[in-house]
Protein backbone atom coordinates (compact mmCIF):
# COMPACT_ATOMS: atom_id res chain seq x y z
CA MET A 1 61.34 101.40 104.49
CA LYS A 2 62.74 104.90 104.99
CA LYS A 3 65.17 103.58 107.62
CA LEU A 4 66.31 100.79 105.28
CA PHE A 5 66.88 103.31 102.49
CA THR A 6 68.94 105.47 104.85
CA ILE A 7 71.12 102.50 105.82
CA ILE A 8 71.69 101.60 102.15
CA ALA A 9 72.53 105.22 101.35
CA PHE A 10 75.11 105.40 104.15
CA ALA A 11 76.59 102.08 103.05
CA PHE A 12 76.97 103.44 99.52
CA MET A 13 78.62 106.59 100.82
CA ALA A 14 81.06 104.55 102.89
CA PHE A 15 81.93 102.42 99.89
CA SER A 16 82.34 105.48 97.67
CA ALA A 17 84.62 107.13 100.21
CA VAL A 18 87.39 104.64 99.48
CA ALA A 19 86.66 103.94 95.81
CA GLN A 20 89.06 106.63 94.56
CA LYS A 21 92.69 105.67 94.94
CA VAL A 22 96.22 106.75 94.12
CA GLU A 23 98.99 104.18 94.30
CA ILE A 24 102.63 103.45 93.62
CA VAL A 25 103.07 100.78 90.91
CA PRO A 26 104.63 98.32 91.36
CA GLY A 27 103.94 98.14 95.08
CA ILE A 28 107.19 96.28 95.80
CA ILE A 29 110.20 97.55 93.86
CA PRO A 30 113.49 95.61 93.80
CA GLY A 31 116.70 97.42 92.97
CA VAL A 32 120.48 97.12 92.77
CA THR A 33 122.96 99.79 93.82
CA GLY A 34 123.70 102.08 90.86
CA GLN A 35 120.50 101.15 89.02
CA VAL A 36 117.87 103.75 88.10
CA ILE A 37 114.36 102.51 88.90
CA THR A 38 111.05 103.83 87.62
CA VAL A 39 107.85 103.85 89.65
CA SER A 40 104.48 105.03 88.41
CA VAL A 41 101.93 107.11 90.30
CA VAL A 42 98.56 105.68 89.20
CA ALA A 43 95.08 107.12 89.78
CA SER A 44 91.77 105.22 89.65
CA GLU A 45 88.04 106.01 89.82
CA PHE A 46 88.21 109.75 89.20
CA ASP A 47 85.93 109.65 86.18
CA THR A 48 82.39 110.32 87.39
CA GLU A 49 80.32 113.50 87.64
CA THR A 50 81.26 113.90 91.30
CA THR A 51 84.83 112.55 91.35
CA SER A 52 86.39 114.20 88.28
CA LEU A 53 89.18 116.53 89.34
CA GLY A 54 90.04 120.19 88.93
CA ALA A 55 93.04 120.35 91.26
CA ILE A 56 95.51 118.02 93.00
CA GLU A 57 98.16 118.42 95.67
CA PHE A 58 100.06 115.52 97.20
CA TYR A 59 103.35 114.50 98.80
CA ILE A 60 105.49 111.35 98.73
CA ASP A 61 108.12 110.86 101.45
CA PHE A 62 111.13 108.55 101.21
CA ASP A 63 114.62 108.05 102.61
CA ASN A 64 117.03 109.66 100.17
CA SER A 65 120.00 107.95 101.75
CA VAL A 66 118.46 104.89 100.06
CA LEU A 67 117.08 106.56 96.93
CA SER A 68 118.38 109.59 95.06
CA TYR A 69 115.63 111.34 93.08
CA THR A 70 116.63 111.90 89.44
CA GLY A 71 113.45 113.23 87.82
CA VAL A 72 109.83 112.85 86.78
CA THR A 73 108.66 111.83 83.30
CA ASN A 74 105.75 110.40 81.30
CA PHE A 75 103.02 112.83 82.37
CA SER A 76 99.51 111.83 81.35
CA PRO A 77 98.23 113.87 78.38
CA LEU A 78 95.05 114.42 80.44
CA LEU A 79 97.17 116.40 82.95
CA PRO A 80 100.14 117.64 80.88
CA VAL A 81 103.47 118.60 82.38
CA SER A 82 102.85 122.33 81.72
CA GLN A 83 100.03 122.25 84.30
CA TRP A 84 102.13 120.75 87.11
CA PHE A 85 104.43 122.29 89.72
CA TYR A 86 106.73 119.86 91.52
CA SER A 87 109.77 119.83 93.77
CA ASN A 88 113.24 118.39 93.33
CA PRO A 89 113.93 116.74 96.69
CA SER A 90 117.24 117.66 98.32
CA PRO A 91 119.15 115.68 100.97
CA ALA A 92 117.54 117.92 103.59
CA LEU A 93 114.04 117.20 102.28
CA ASN A 94 113.05 113.56 101.82
CA ARG A 95 109.83 114.56 100.06
CA PHE A 96 108.49 114.83 96.53
CA ALA A 97 105.79 117.53 96.48
CA CYS A 98 103.56 118.33 93.53
CA ASN A 99 100.38 120.14 92.59
CA TRP A 100 98.22 120.41 89.50
CA ALA A 101 95.27 122.62 88.53
CA GLU A 102 93.17 122.70 85.37
CA PRO A 103 93.84 126.24 83.99
CA THR A 104 90.17 127.09 83.32
CA LEU A 105 88.93 125.53 86.59
CA GLN A 106 87.16 122.73 84.76
CA ASN A 107 87.12 119.13 85.95
CA VAL A 108 88.99 116.38 84.12
CA ASN A 109 87.76 112.77 83.99
CA ILE A 110 90.68 110.52 84.92
CA PRO A 111 89.94 106.87 84.02
CA THR A 112 90.96 103.96 86.20
CA GLY A 113 94.59 102.98 85.76
CA THR A 114 95.77 106.38 84.50
CA VAL A 115 99.49 106.96 85.09
CA LEU A 116 99.76 110.55 86.34
CA PHE A 117 103.55 110.45 85.89
CA ASP A 118 106.63 108.29 86.50
CA LEU A 119 109.22 108.98 89.20
CA LYS A 120 112.84 107.97 88.68
CA PHE A 121 115.36 107.22 91.44
CA LEU A 122 118.99 106.16 91.59
CA CYS A 123 119.39 103.21 93.97
CA MET A 124 121.89 103.51 96.81
CA ASP A 125 121.46 100.71 99.40
CA GLY A 126 118.88 99.66 101.99
CA GLN A 127 115.09 99.79 102.13
CA THR A 128 112.56 102.61 102.13
CA VAL A 129 108.84 103.25 101.80
CA LEU A 130 107.51 105.59 99.13
CA ASP A 131 105.01 106.99 101.59
CA PHE A 132 102.06 109.21 100.63
CA ASP A 133 101.30 111.93 103.18
CA SER A 134 97.57 111.27 103.18
CA LEU A 135 96.74 113.99 105.72
CA ALA A 136 98.37 116.79 103.74
CA SER A 137 97.27 115.60 100.27
CA ILE A 138 94.20 117.14 98.62
CA PHE A 139 92.15 116.10 95.57
CA VAL A 140 89.50 118.62 94.55
CA HIS A 141 86.35 118.47 92.44
CA ILE A 142 85.04 121.87 91.32
CA ASP A 143 81.25 122.20 91.49
CA GLY A 144 80.49 125.61 90.08
CA VAL A 145 82.13 127.96 92.58
CA ASN A 146 82.54 125.29 95.26
CA PHE A 147 85.72 123.30 95.84
CA ILE A 148 84.82 119.83 97.09
CA THR A 149 87.47 117.52 98.54
CA VAL A 150 87.34 114.02 97.04
CA PRO A 151 88.29 111.25 99.52
CA VAL A 152 91.23 109.14 98.39
CA ASP A 153 92.68 105.79 99.45
CA PHE A 154 96.50 105.81 99.10
CA THR A 155 98.71 102.77 98.54
CA ASN A 156 102.41 103.20 99.26
CA GLY A 157 105.35 101.55 97.54
CA TYR A 158 108.21 99.63 99.16
CA VAL A 159 111.73 99.68 97.72
CA GLN A 160 114.30 96.99 98.58
CA ILE A 161 117.82 97.37 97.25
CA ASN A 162 120.31 94.49 97.05
CA VAL A 163 117.91 92.13 98.87
CA GLY A 164 118.97 88.50 98.58
CA LEU A 165 122.18 89.14 96.65
CA GLU A 166 124.49 87.90 99.40
CA GLU A 167 122.57 84.62 99.80
CA GLN A 168 122.80 84.09 96.06
CA LYS A 169 126.54 84.75 96.00
CA GLN A 170 127.29 82.57 99.01
CA GLU A 171 125.06 79.56 98.41
CA ASN A 172 123.70 79.82 94.87
CA TYR A 173 120.35 78.46 96.10
CA PHE A 174 117.83 81.23 95.41
CA LEU A 175 118.52 82.52 91.93
CA ALA A 176 115.56 84.65 90.89
CA THR A 177 112.22 85.84 92.15
CA GLY A 178 110.82 87.82 89.23
CA ASN A 179 107.57 87.16 87.37
CA LYS A 180 105.99 85.74 90.57
CA MET A 181 108.32 82.78 90.23
CA LEU A 182 110.69 81.25 92.78
CA VAL A 183 113.73 79.57 91.23
CA ILE A 184 115.87 77.33 93.47
CA ARG A 185 119.03 75.46 92.44
CA ASN A 186 120.83 72.41 93.78
CA ILE A 187 118.78 71.67 96.87
CA GLU A 188 116.30 68.88 97.63
CA GLY A 189 113.64 68.52 100.29
CA GLN A 190 110.25 69.78 101.41
CA LEU A 191 109.65 73.36 100.27
CA THR A 192 107.26 75.69 102.06
CA VAL A 193 106.60 79.34 101.28
CA THR A 194 104.76 81.48 103.83
CA ASN A 195 104.01 85.18 104.10
CA LEU A 196 105.30 87.28 106.98
CA MET A 197 102.19 86.40 109.01
CA GLY A 198 102.99 82.68 108.74
CA GLN A 199 100.18 81.88 106.28
CA SER A 200 101.02 79.15 103.77
CA ILE A 201 101.39 80.27 100.16
CA VAL A 202 103.01 77.32 98.36
CA SER A 203 104.38 73.90 99.29
CA ALA A 204 106.20 71.39 97.09
CA VAL A 205 108.70 68.55 97.16
CA LEU A 206 112.02 69.33 95.45
CA GLU A 207 113.64 66.25 93.94
CA GLY A 208 116.86 65.96 91.95
CA SER A 209 119.62 68.46 91.26
CA GLY A 210 119.38 71.42 88.95
CA GLU A 211 116.84 74.22 88.98
CA HIS A 212 113.33 74.02 90.43
CA TYR A 213 110.76 76.52 89.14
CA ILE A 214 107.98 77.18 91.64
CA PRO A 215 105.09 79.47 90.59
CA VAL A 216 104.02 81.57 93.58
CA ASN A 217 101.41 83.81 91.93
CA ASN A 218 101.87 86.44 94.64
CA THR A 219 104.11 89.44 95.15
CA GLY A 220 105.67 90.52 98.41
CA ILE A 221 108.21 89.42 100.98
CA PHE A 222 108.02 85.72 101.85
CA ILE A 223 109.76 83.18 104.06
CA VAL A 224 111.11 80.26 102.02
CA ARG A 225 112.01 77.07 103.89
CA VAL A 226 113.55 73.88 102.50
CA THR A 227 113.83 70.93 104.88
CA ASN A 228 115.59 67.62 104.25
CA LYS A 229 117.29 64.88 106.34
CA TYR A 230 120.52 66.86 106.49
CA ASP A 231 119.48 70.38 107.39
CA GLU A 232 116.93 73.16 107.04
CA THR A 233 117.49 76.27 104.92
CA VAL A 234 115.39 79.37 105.61
CA ARG A 235 115.54 82.62 103.66
CA LYS A 236 113.50 85.81 103.41
CA VAL A 237 112.84 86.41 99.70
CA LEU A 238 111.33 89.25 97.68
CA ILE A 239 109.01 87.95 94.96
CA TYR A 240 107.76 90.48 92.41
């Protein structure tokens, strides 16, 4: 019985080790050159007796030939802007660095889904990952005089600028991919949508001219294929 209890305890610890997370929302961010995009840094599961936080330090790397940082806004009232220190990334430093500490060294409960703040970027062209430096980032719970590191699972963001615009201009087939919806115009045939690993997501038969609205109910980068007796059209499409 003691051995079984020990196994259960370790299993619980392993589960708890990845329960706390910080993520970029949305995970896939489309953009157009000249547009300012907003991405949120969201925290979850920092609201228990052992995971509430007294201090934070983390870093987000990106390619600023693709994105030009313009500012940070919308700080959570639980961790107000006056308590943060943060960098303004320069062309020589493709990194947003920030740290926060509760002034009286008390812990703050941060409920699931709390937006810590929003980052704003001016879109240039290309693709880049908003990449957390998980090794250098630290989240701390204060237990009396002890500073205890809270394990965190990070989820990066992926920015794609001007993806699909040339196909739309040239062929007018793939018109929109927002709201988890694929919209295709003026093409008939067997439609298949797969992810980048080749797994099937959606299939349908497109009949008649005009626009076809295909709910995908997934976000990400997908391969869209339409096959008919004349030809086969294949495109890589961002659905968000």
